[in-house]
């Protein structure tokens, strides 16, 4: 099964790597996104409405 690796993903804050497994018919079978830099946004946003991320992370 072919795999598409996109590393590094730029134009974002931090570093990411994308791995996508593709079936023979060209459709994605499995996808993983790996963040290699921890900034703590995940902890700050736990239990909040997802729409709060736009405001909170945009100001940090």
Protein backbone atom coordinates (compact mmCIF):
# COMPACT_ATOMS: atom_id res chain seq x y z
CA UNK A 1 0.00 0.00 0.00
CA UNK A 2 1.59 3.34 -1.02
CA UNK A 3 2.22 5.98 1.59
CA UNK A 4 2.41 9.73 1.11
CA UNK A 5 4.69 11.57 3.55
CA UNK A 6 4.62 15.35 3.83
CA UNK A 7 7.39 16.54 6.14
CA UNK A 8 7.87 19.28 7.19
CA UNK A 9 4.56 21.06 6.86
CA UNK A 10 5.35 24.76 6.86
CA UNK A 11 3.16 27.85 7.04
CA UNK A 12 1.96 26.78 10.49
CA UNK A 13 3.17 27.60 13.98
CA UNK A 14 5.37 24.69 15.00
CA UNK A 15 6.34 21.55 13.09
CA UNK A 16 4.08 18.88 11.67
CA UNK A 17 4.43 15.69 9.67
CA UNK A 18 1.58 14.09 7.72
CA UNK A 19 1.46 10.41 6.77
CA UNK A 20 -1.35 9.18 4.50
CA UNK A 21 -1.81 5.53 3.48
CA UNK A 22 -3.48 5.24 0.07
CA UNK A 23 -5.41 2.26 -1.31
CA UNK A 24 -4.89 1.00 -4.85
CA UNK A 25 -8.01 2.91 -5.93
CA UNK A 26 -6.43 6.22 -4.84
CA UNK A 27 -8.49 6.76 -1.70
CA UNK A 28 -6.93 7.38 1.69
CA UNK A 29 -7.03 4.40 4.02
CA UNK A 30 -5.35 5.84 7.11
CA UNK A 31 -3.93 9.25 7.97
CA UNK A 32 -1.75 10.47 10.82
CA UNK A 33 -0.69 13.99 11.76
CA UNK A 34 2.27 14.31 14.10
CA UNK A 35 3.08 17.51 15.94
CA UNK A 36 6.70 17.67 16.98
CA UNK A 37 6.53 20.81 19.09
CA UNK A 38 4.51 21.08 22.31
CA UNK A 39 3.30 24.56 23.21
CA UNK A 40 0.52 23.68 25.66
CA UNK A 41 -2.47 24.92 23.68
CA UNK A 42 -4.06 21.50 24.07
CA UNK A 43 -4.02 21.80 27.86
CA UNK A 44 -5.35 25.37 27.85
CA UNK A 45 -8.25 24.37 25.57
CA UNK A 46 -9.31 21.19 27.40
CA UNK A 47 -13.00 21.28 28.31
CA UNK A 48 -13.67 24.45 26.29
CA UNK A 49 -15.87 25.00 23.28
CA UNK A 50 -13.78 24.29 20.13
CA UNK A 51 -14.70 27.72 18.77
CA UNK A 52 -12.76 29.31 21.67
CA UNK A 53 -9.52 28.10 20.04
CA UNK A 54 -9.84 30.74 17.34
CA UNK A 55 -9.78 33.54 19.91
CA UNK A 56 -7.37 32.07 22.48
CA UNK A 57 -4.71 30.74 20.11
CA UNK A 58 -4.88 33.79 17.88
CA UNK A 59 -3.86 36.01 20.78
CA UNK A 60 -1.01 33.87 22.12
